[in-house]
Amino acid sequence: MKKTIVAMAAMLVAMGMSAQQNISYREGDIVSPQVNDDHTVTFRVKAPKAKSVKILADWEQNNGQATMKKGKDGVWEYTTPQLASEMFTYRFDIDGVLGIDPVNPFTRRDVGNIFSIFYVGGGAADEYLVKDVDHGQVRTVWYHSNTANADRRMNVYLPAGYGKTDKKYPVFYLLHGSGGDETAWLDLGHMARIMDNLIAEGKCVPMIVVMPNGNFGKQAAAGETAENLAFRPVSTHLLPHYKDGLFELAFPEIVNYVDATFNTIPDKAHRAIAGLSMGGMHTLMITANYPDMFNYIGLYSAGVDFSHLNMEEVPAYANLDTKLTKLAQGNPKLYWIACGSEDWLLPANKRLMERMDKDGLKYTFHESPRGHLWCNWRQYSLLFIPQLFK
């Protein structure tokens, strides 16, 4: 009996040591990233045996790339130029091996890659942070799609105070890009924080925000269903139902579920929709096929390059000019298009706008700096959302 107790005690000590190792991952006193008062940022990583250490990031200067300098004790260091206010992502390249910052616990997944993140305040990024304001809630819900013959998952932001009275709210449907899912606008777009802050600051009206999964061949994000445990995130063009129009044609299933489940104002005047990249393509086609459903429409860096697609073979995409003319006759209150000056999709967006001119569809165009990046899509939301339901 005594030997058994001793053995069990030894086992518990060993388990405790193992658990302690799991939480003791920080590398001594190394600080990285260090956001400096002048909006420069210093990175450090300990790699004494490395021959080369680089940083790969998404800030504008030098295309976010730099070679770090080795210092004492094998600690490599680099300080950026002055950065704009934003949330930035980065990784280290240590002798050709890409990885996150080992002393920075804050990460985000974008498609199938994990990035370390940090914020530079004093501007746009202030709207991405949790402030001392009334907070809404996010509900993860499942709706049934007869078209897909499956239950599908989406996230729904409800503003502060929702459900305390019988008040009904307008609804903003927000769609992700290729490789994203129903978590993208929350994790990378900071949509819940943005909505809390814009509402509290009086910059927009309180509204419900619906963020569905646009990968119609999948029920939910990777890892969220039994089948999806083996599904690794990939760009949507590698998944079933890419650009076959089923997601767009089935979109009323989402709208009907939302109106039946939440306190909405179920009419065109109180519905908005926007999407980034692939979601912009979805937004274009949803509103073209259902011209009486949305009064506010936003395309963010929309994936509207039709050069490799036979439009007339896809019912959702066929007769687009006729559909856009009918949409124009319905006179949506706002059709807002935004794209970066360095975005590879800018020429396709300009061709779309020329098409809209011929079809009589009025729109507003915003051209921003830079390319196909989350910093642009977050900032487009800061511009688009305050215009809704006014």
Protein backbone atom coordinates (compact mmCIF):
# COMPACT_ATOMS: atom_id res chain seq x y z
CA MET A 1 0.00 0.00 0.00
CA LYS A 2 2.84 2.36 0.96
CA LYS A 3 4.63 1.61 -2.34
CA THR A 4 1.42 2.34 -4.23
CA ILE A 5 0.98 5.71 -2.53
CA VAL A 6 4.61 6.64 -3.24
CA ALA A 7 4.21 5.65 -6.90
CA MET A 8 1.03 7.70 -7.25
CA ALA A 9 2.69 10.71 -5.63
CA ALA A 10 5.63 10.43 -8.02
CA MET A 11 3.23 10.25 -10.95
CA LEU A 12 1.35 13.35 -9.79
CA VAL A 13 4.60 15.27 -9.36
CA ALA A 14 5.62 14.27 -12.88
CA MET A 15 2.25 15.37 -14.24
CA GLY A 16 2.56 18.68 -12.41
CA MET A 17 6.00 19.27 -13.89
CA SER A 18 4.65 18.49 -17.36
CA ALA A 19 1.73 20.87 -16.88
CA GLN A 20 4.08 23.56 -15.64
CA GLN A 21 6.20 23.18 -18.77
CA ASN A 22 3.10 23.81 -20.90
CA ILE A 23 2.66 27.29 -19.44
CA SER A 24 6.33 28.28 -19.13
CA TYR A 25 6.94 29.06 -22.77
CA ARG A 26 8.20 32.64 -22.58
CA GLU A 27 11.86 33.15 -23.40
CA GLY A 28 13.19 34.99 -20.38
CA ASP A 29 12.96 38.79 -20.48
CA ILE A 30 12.63 39.16 -24.26
CA VAL A 31 9.92 41.65 -25.25
CA SER A 32 8.45 41.28 -28.72
CA PRO A 33 6.75 43.09 -30.24
CA GLN A 34 7.47 46.37 -28.50
CA VAL A 35 5.27 49.19 -29.79
CA ASN A 36 7.20 52.40 -29.27
CA ASP A 37 5.83 55.88 -28.56
CA ASP A 38 6.84 57.09 -32.03
CA HIS A 39 4.77 54.32 -33.70
CA THR A 40 7.82 52.29 -34.61
CA VAL A 41 7.80 48.66 -33.46
CA THR A 42 10.74 46.56 -32.26
CA PHE A 43 10.84 42.79 -32.70
CA ARG A 44 13.17 40.35 -30.96
CA VAL A 45 13.66 36.61 -31.21
CA LYS A 46 16.28 34.38 -29.61
CA ALA A 47 17.89 32.10 -32.19
CA PRO A 48 21.60 31.80 -31.30
CA LYS A 49 22.36 29.12 -33.91
CA ALA A 50 20.48 30.77 -36.78
CA LYS A 51 22.35 32.10 -39.77
CA SER A 52 19.58 34.34 -41.04
CA VAL A 53 16.40 35.74 -39.48
CA LYS A 54 13.87 37.79 -41.42
CA ILE A 55 10.49 39.27 -40.61
CA LEU A 56 7.57 38.97 -43.05
CA ALA A 57 4.62 41.24 -42.28
CA ASP A 58 1.77 43.22 -43.84
CA TRP A 59 2.79 46.84 -43.24
CA GLU A 60 3.43 48.99 -46.28
CA GLN A 61 7.08 50.01 -45.97
CA ASN A 62 9.50 47.66 -47.78
CA ASN A 63 6.51 45.39 -48.45
CA GLY A 64 6.65 44.37 -44.79
CA GLN A 65 9.96 42.56 -45.20
CA ALA A 66 13.21 43.11 -43.29
CA THR A 67 16.35 41.29 -42.23
CA MET A 68 16.91 41.22 -38.48
CA LYS A 69 20.28 41.87 -36.88
CA LYS A 70 21.91 39.46 -34.46
CA GLY A 71 22.95 40.88 -31.10
CA LYS A 72 24.34 39.59 -27.85
CA ASP A 73 23.14 36.29 -26.42
CA GLY A 74 21.85 35.25 -29.86
CA VAL A 75 18.91 37.66 -29.81
CA TRP A 76 17.96 39.02 -33.24
CA GLU A 77 16.32 42.45 -33.40
CA TYR A 78 14.63 44.79 -35.88
CA THR A 79 12.82 48.12 -35.51
CA THR A 80 10.32 49.19 -38.17
CA PRO A 81 9.84 52.60 -39.71
CA GLN A 82 6.93 54.59 -38.28
CA LEU A 83 3.73 52.64 -38.92
CA ALA A 84 0.16 53.77 -39.51
CA SER A 85 -2.51 52.94 -36.97
CA GLU A 86 -3.71 49.40 -37.73
CA MET A 87 -3.66 45.77 -36.68
CA PHE A 88 -0.67 44.08 -38.29
CA THR A 89 0.24 40.45 -38.85
CA TYR A 90 3.76 39.02 -39.06
CA ARG A 91 5.88 35.89 -38.98
CA PHE A 92 9.59 35.14 -38.56
CA ASP A 93 11.65 33.37 -41.21
CA ILE A 94 14.47 31.60 -39.36
CA ASP A 95 16.82 29.91 -41.81
CA GLY A 96 13.91 29.35 -44.17
CA VAL A 97 11.46 28.07 -41.56
CA LEU A 98 8.37 30.27 -41.08
CA GLY A 99 6.84 30.57 -37.64
CA ILE A 100 5.07 32.84 -35.19
CA ASP A 101 6.76 35.01 -32.58
CA PRO A 102 7.45 32.63 -29.64
CA VAL A 103 6.96 35.33 -26.99
CA ASN A 104 3.81 36.88 -28.46
CA PRO A 105 0.71 34.85 -27.43
CA PHE A 106 -1.65 36.78 -29.72
CA THR A 107 -2.31 35.16 -33.11
CA ARG A 108 -4.84 34.98 -35.92
CA ARG A 109 -5.52 32.36 -38.58
CA ASP A 110 -5.90 33.63 -42.14
CA VAL A 111 -6.96 30.82 -44.51
CA GLY A 112 -4.53 28.04 -43.43
CA ASN A 113 -1.70 30.11 -41.92
CA ILE A 114 -1.18 31.36 -38.37
CA PHE A 115 0.23 34.85 -37.84
CA SER A 116 1.34 36.81 -34.80
CA ILE A 117 -0.46 40.16 -34.42
CA PHE A 118 -0.04 43.56 -32.80
CA TYR A 119 -1.79 46.95 -32.85
CA VAL A 120 -0.52 50.47 -33.41
CA GLY A 121 -3.02 52.91 -31.91
CA GLY A 122 -3.85 56.52 -32.56
CA GLY A 123 -6.18 55.96 -35.53
CA ALA A 124 -8.15 53.18 -37.20
CA ALA A 125 -6.88 50.50 -34.80
CA ASP A 126 -8.55 52.28 -31.88
CA GLU A 127 -11.89 51.06 -33.25
CA TYR A 128 -10.66 47.44 -33.16
CA LEU A 129 -9.95 47.48 -29.43
CA VAL A 130 -12.25 46.69 -26.52
CA LYS A 131 -13.33 49.98 -24.95
CA ASP A 132 -15.33 50.83 -21.84
CA VAL A 133 -18.66 50.91 -23.67
CA ASP A 134 -21.84 48.84 -23.69
CA HIS A 135 -21.09 45.56 -25.41
CA GLY A 136 -23.24 43.49 -27.70
CA GLN A 137 -23.13 39.73 -27.97
CA VAL A 138 -22.25 37.23 -30.68
CA ARG A 139 -24.38 34.13 -31.13
CA THR A 140 -23.24 31.15 -33.13
CA VAL A 141 -26.32 29.63 -34.74
CA TRP A 142 -27.18 26.88 -37.21
CA TYR A 143 -29.77 27.22 -39.96
CA HIS A 144 -31.05 24.53 -42.29
CA SER A 145 -30.40 24.90 -46.00
CA ASN A 146 -32.75 22.88 -48.20
CA THR A 147 -30.52 23.70 -51.16
CA ALA A 148 -27.42 22.23 -49.49
CA ASN A 149 -29.46 19.56 -47.67
CA ALA A 150 -27.48 20.37 -44.52
CA ASP A 151 -27.42 22.47 -41.39
CA ARG A 152 -24.98 25.36 -41.81
CA ARG A 153 -23.31 27.60 -39.23
CA MET A 154 -23.11 31.38 -39.00
CA ASN A 155 -22.30 34.07 -36.45
CA VAL A 156 -24.70 36.85 -35.54
CA TYR A 157 -23.77 40.06 -33.73
CA LEU A 158 -26.57 41.51 -31.59
CA PRO A 159 -26.13 45.09 -30.33
CA ALA A 160 -26.08 46.05 -26.65
CA GLY A 161 -29.58 46.01 -25.22
CA TYR A 162 -30.91 43.51 -27.73
CA GLY A 163 -33.74 41.43 -26.26
CA LYS A 164 -34.39 43.71 -23.27
CA THR A 165 -37.36 45.22 -25.11
CA ASP A 166 -39.41 44.37 -28.19
CA LYS A 167 -37.31 46.77 -30.29
CA LYS A 168 -36.65 45.57 -33.83
CA TYR A 169 -33.38 46.21 -35.67
CA PRO A 170 -32.08 46.58 -39.22
CA VAL A 171 -29.77 43.82 -40.46
CA PHE A 172 -26.37 44.00 -42.12
CA TYR A 173 -25.21 40.80 -43.90
CA LEU A 174 -21.41 40.66 -44.09
CA LEU A 175 -19.64 38.11 -46.30
CA HIS A 176 -16.07 36.80 -46.15
CA GLY A 177 -13.54 36.13 -48.91
CA SER A 178 -12.01 33.00 -50.42
CA GLY A 179 -10.42 30.88 -47.71
CA GLY A 180 -12.43 32.57 -44.99
CA ASP A 181 -15.44 31.26 -43.11
CA GLU A 182 -18.03 32.43 -40.60
CA THR A 183 -15.26 33.37 -38.12
CA ALA A 184 -13.26 35.61 -40.47
CA TRP A 185 -15.07 38.90 -39.88
CA LEU A 186 -14.90 38.37 -36.12
CA ASP A 187 -11.28 37.23 -35.82
CA LEU A 188 -9.62 39.21 -38.60
CA GLY A 189 -12.21 41.92 -39.12
CA HIS A 190 -12.88 42.66 -35.41
CA MET A 191 -16.50 43.24 -36.36
CA ALA A 192 -17.99 42.84 -32.87
CA ARG A 193 -15.56 45.39 -31.43
CA ILE A 194 -16.07 47.75 -34.37
CA MET A 195 -19.84 47.60 -33.95
CA ASP A 196 -19.70 48.14 -30.19
CA ASN A 197 -17.48 51.19 -30.65
CA LEU A 198 -19.28 52.78 -33.63
CA ILE A 199 -22.64 52.41 -31.90
CA ALA A 200 -21.34 53.81 -28.60
CA GLU A 201 -19.76 56.76 -30.40
CA GLY A 202 -23.00 57.53 -32.22
CA LYS A 203 -21.37 56.93 -35.60
CA CYS A 204 -23.91 54.32 -36.71
CA VAL A 205 -27.35 53.08 -35.76
CA PRO A 206 -27.64 49.89 -33.71
CA MET A 207 -27.99 46.93 -36.05
CA ILE A 208 -27.73 43.15 -36.25
CA VAL A 209 -24.74 41.85 -38.24
CA VAL A 210 -24.99 38.39 -39.83
CA MET A 211 -21.76 36.62 -40.85
CA PRO A 212 -22.49 33.35 -42.70
CA ASN A 213 -20.17 30.74 -44.17
CA GLY A 214 -19.81 31.33 -47.90
CA ASN A 215 -18.14 27.99 -48.61
CA PHE A 216 -21.31 26.25 -49.74
CA GLY A 217 -19.72 22.80 -49.81
CA LYS A 218 -18.91 23.03 -46.09
CA GLN A 219 -21.25 23.29 -43.13
CA ALA A 220 -18.91 25.36 -40.97
CA ALA A 221 -15.33 26.45 -40.36
CA ALA A 222 -12.58 23.85 -40.27
CA GLY A 223 -12.70 21.76 -37.10
CA GLU A 224 -16.29 22.63 -36.22
CA THR A 225 -17.98 19.44 -37.44
CA ALA A 226 -17.00 15.77 -37.49
CA GLU A 227 -16.34 15.93 -41.22
CA ASN A 228 -14.47 19.20 -40.86
CA LEU A 229 -11.96 17.77 -38.39
CA ALA A 230 -10.16 16.45 -41.47
CA PHE A 231 -10.80 19.66 -43.43
CA ARG A 232 -7.83 22.00 -43.45
CA PRO A 233 -8.57 25.60 -44.43
CA VAL A 234 -7.89 26.27 -48.12
CA SER A 235 -8.90 28.87 -50.66
CA THR A 236 -12.48 28.33 -51.70
CA HIS A 237 -11.67 27.56 -55.33
CA LEU A 238 -10.44 24.15 -54.10
CA LEU A 239 -13.80 23.34 -52.49
CA PRO A 240 -17.07 22.10 -54.02
CA HIS A 241 -19.60 24.67 -55.32
CA TYR A 242 -17.04 27.38 -56.05
CA LYS A 243 -18.64 29.88 -58.44
CA ASP A 244 -21.56 27.64 -59.28
CA GLY A 245 -24.03 30.23 -57.94
CA LEU A 246 -25.77 28.00 -55.40
CA PHE A 247 -24.74 30.06 -52.39
CA GLU A 248 -26.11 33.19 -54.03
CA LEU A 249 -29.39 31.62 -55.13
CA ALA A 250 -29.90 30.02 -51.70
CA PHE A 251 -29.26 33.24 -49.78
CA PRO A 252 -32.96 33.87 -49.01
CA GLU A 253 -32.74 30.81 -46.73
CA ILE A 254 -30.38 32.81 -44.52
CA VAL A 255 -32.53 35.95 -44.63
CA ASN A 256 -35.68 33.99 -43.82
CA TYR A 257 -34.00 32.26 -40.88
CA VAL A 258 -32.71 35.57 -39.49
CA ASP A 259 -36.10 37.27 -39.80
CA ALA A 260 -37.83 34.30 -38.14
CA THR A 261 -35.30 34.06 -35.30
CA PHE A 262 -34.31 37.60 -34.38
CA ASN A 263 -36.06 40.93 -33.81
CA THR A 264 -35.56 42.34 -37.29
CA ILE A 265 -37.33 44.89 -39.46
CA PRO A 266 -37.95 42.50 -42.37
CA ASP A 267 -37.97 44.76 -45.40
CA LYS A 268 -35.60 46.07 -48.07
CA ALA A 269 -35.21 49.48 -46.44
CA HIS A 270 -33.71 47.87 -43.35
CA ARG A 271 -31.36 45.37 -44.98
CA ALA A 272 -27.74 45.89 -46.07
CA ILE A 273 -25.18 43.52 -47.52
CA ALA A 274 -21.45 43.74 -48.21
CA GLY A 275 -18.58 41.39 -48.83
CA LEU A 276 -14.84 41.31 -49.41
CA SER A 277 -13.19 39.66 -52.43
CA MET A 278 -15.19 36.44 -53.06
CA GLY A 279 -17.83 37.89 -50.73
CA GLY A 280 -17.96 40.94 -52.99
CA MET A 281 -18.72 38.65 -55.94
CA HIS A 282 -21.39 36.96 -53.81
CA THR A 283 -22.84 40.37 -52.90
CA LEU A 284 -22.97 41.45 -56.54
CA MET A 285 -24.81 38.31 -57.60
CA ILE A 286 -27.16 38.05 -54.59
CA THR A 287 -28.39 41.60 -55.09
CA ALA A 288 -28.62 41.15 -58.87
CA ASN A 289 -30.82 38.07 -58.44
CA TYR A 290 -32.87 39.51 -55.57
CA PRO A 291 -33.22 43.23 -56.41
CA ASP A 292 -35.99 43.83 -53.85
CA MET A 293 -34.10 42.44 -50.87
CA PHE A 294 -31.35 44.99 -50.01
CA ASN A 295 -31.29 48.79 -49.96
CA TYR A 296 -27.57 49.15 -49.11
CA ILE A 297 -24.90 47.26 -51.04
CA GLY A 298 -21.11 47.24 -50.53
CA LEU A 299 -18.36 45.63 -52.60
CA TYR A 300 -14.93 45.50 -50.90
CA SER A 301 -12.14 44.57 -53.36
CA ALA A 302 -14.75 42.44 -55.07
CA GLY A 303 -13.67 39.28 -56.90
CA VAL A 304 -15.45 40.26 -60.11
CA ASP A 305 -12.93 39.02 -62.66
CA PHE A 306 -15.19 37.06 -65.03
CA SER A 307 -12.51 36.31 -67.63
CA HIS A 308 -12.29 32.61 -66.76
CA LEU A 309 -16.01 32.06 -66.24
CA ASN A 310 -18.75 31.36 -68.77
CA MET A 311 -21.40 33.48 -67.10
CA GLU A 312 -24.31 32.33 -69.24
CA GLU A 313 -23.82 28.70 -68.17
CA VAL A 314 -24.45 29.57 -64.50
CA PRO A 315 -28.10 30.55 -63.77
CA ALA A 316 -27.13 32.86 -60.91
CA TYR A 317 -24.70 34.76 -63.15
CA ALA A 318 -26.51 34.71 -66.50
CA ASN A 319 -28.12 37.85 -67.96
CA LEU A 320 -26.20 40.04 -65.54
CA ASP A 321 -26.81 43.28 -67.45
CA THR A 322 -30.55 42.69 -67.48
CA LYS A 323 -30.47 41.95 -63.76
CA LEU A 324 -28.41 45.07 -62.98
CA THR A 325 -30.82 47.21 -64.99
CA LYS A 326 -33.71 45.85 -62.92
CA LEU A 327 -31.72 46.48 -59.73
CA ALA A 328 -31.16 50.07 -60.88
CA GLN A 329 -34.90 50.52 -61.40
CA GLY A 330 -35.40 49.57 -57.75
CA ASN A 331 -33.16 52.54 -56.84
CA PRO A 332 -31.07 51.14 -53.95
CA LYS A 333 -30.19 53.93 -51.56
CA LEU A 334 -26.45 53.14 -51.59
CA TYR A 335 -24.25 51.03 -53.85
CA TRP A 336 -20.72 51.49 -52.51
CA ILE A 337 -17.63 50.06 -54.21
CA ALA A 338 -14.11 50.20 -52.74
CA CYS A 339 -10.78 48.86 -53.94
CA GLY A 340 -7.09 49.51 -53.33
CA SER A 341 -4.92 51.31 -55.86
CA GLU A 342 -2.49 48.36 -55.86
CA ASP A 343 -5.13 45.64 -55.74
CA TRP A 344 -4.89 43.14 -58.60
CA LEU A 345 -8.70 43.24 -58.77
CA LEU A 346 -8.89 47.00 -59.41
CA PRO A 347 -9.05 46.62 -63.24
CA ALA A 348 -11.91 44.12 -62.91
CA ASN A 349 -13.78 46.47 -60.56
CA LYS A 350 -13.35 49.32 -63.04
CA ARG A 351 -14.76 47.12 -65.82
CA LEU A 352 -17.73 46.31 -63.58
CA MET A 353 -18.36 50.00 -62.97
CA GLU A 354 -18.28 50.66 -66.73
CA ARG A 355 -20.88 47.94 -67.07
CA MET A 356 -22.99 49.52 -64.34
CA ASP A 357 -22.81 52.87 -66.13
CA LYS A 358 -24.34 51.27 -69.23
CA ASP A 359 -26.98 49.51 -67.12
CA GLY A 360 -27.95 52.74 -65.39
CA LEU A 361 -26.94 51.59 -61.92
CA LYS A 362 -25.65 54.44 -59.74
CA TYR A 363 -22.78 53.78 -57.36
CA THR A 364 -20.15 55.51 -55.23
CA PHE A 365 -16.50 54.50 -55.66
CA HIS A 366 -13.78 54.76 -53.01
CA GLU A 367 -10.16 54.07 -54.01
CA SER A 368 -7.81 53.47 -51.12
CA PRO A 369 -4.04 52.98 -51.03
CA ARG A 370 -2.43 49.53 -50.99
CA GLY A 371 -3.74 46.16 -52.15
CA HIS A 372 -5.80 43.08 -51.29
CA LEU A 373 -5.42 43.31 -47.51
CA TRP A 374 -7.44 43.06 -44.32
CA CYS A 375 -6.30 46.54 -43.28
CA ASN A 376 -8.31 47.90 -46.23
CA TRP A 377 -11.39 45.76 -45.54
CA ARG A 378 -11.53 46.76 -41.89
CA GLN A 379 -11.20 50.42 -42.86
CA TYR A 380 -13.83 50.07 -45.60
CA SER A 381 -16.22 48.89 -42.89
CA LEU A 382 -15.43 51.99 -40.84
CA LEU A 383 -16.50 54.06 -43.86
CA PHE A 384 -19.46 51.97 -45.06
CA ILE A 385 -21.29 51.09 -41.83
CA PRO A 386 -21.95 54.70 -40.71
CA GLN A 387 -23.84 55.26 -43.99
CA LEU A 388 -26.35 52.49 -43.35
CA PHE A 389 -30.02 52.97 -42.43
CA LYS A 390 -29.81 56.76 -42.25
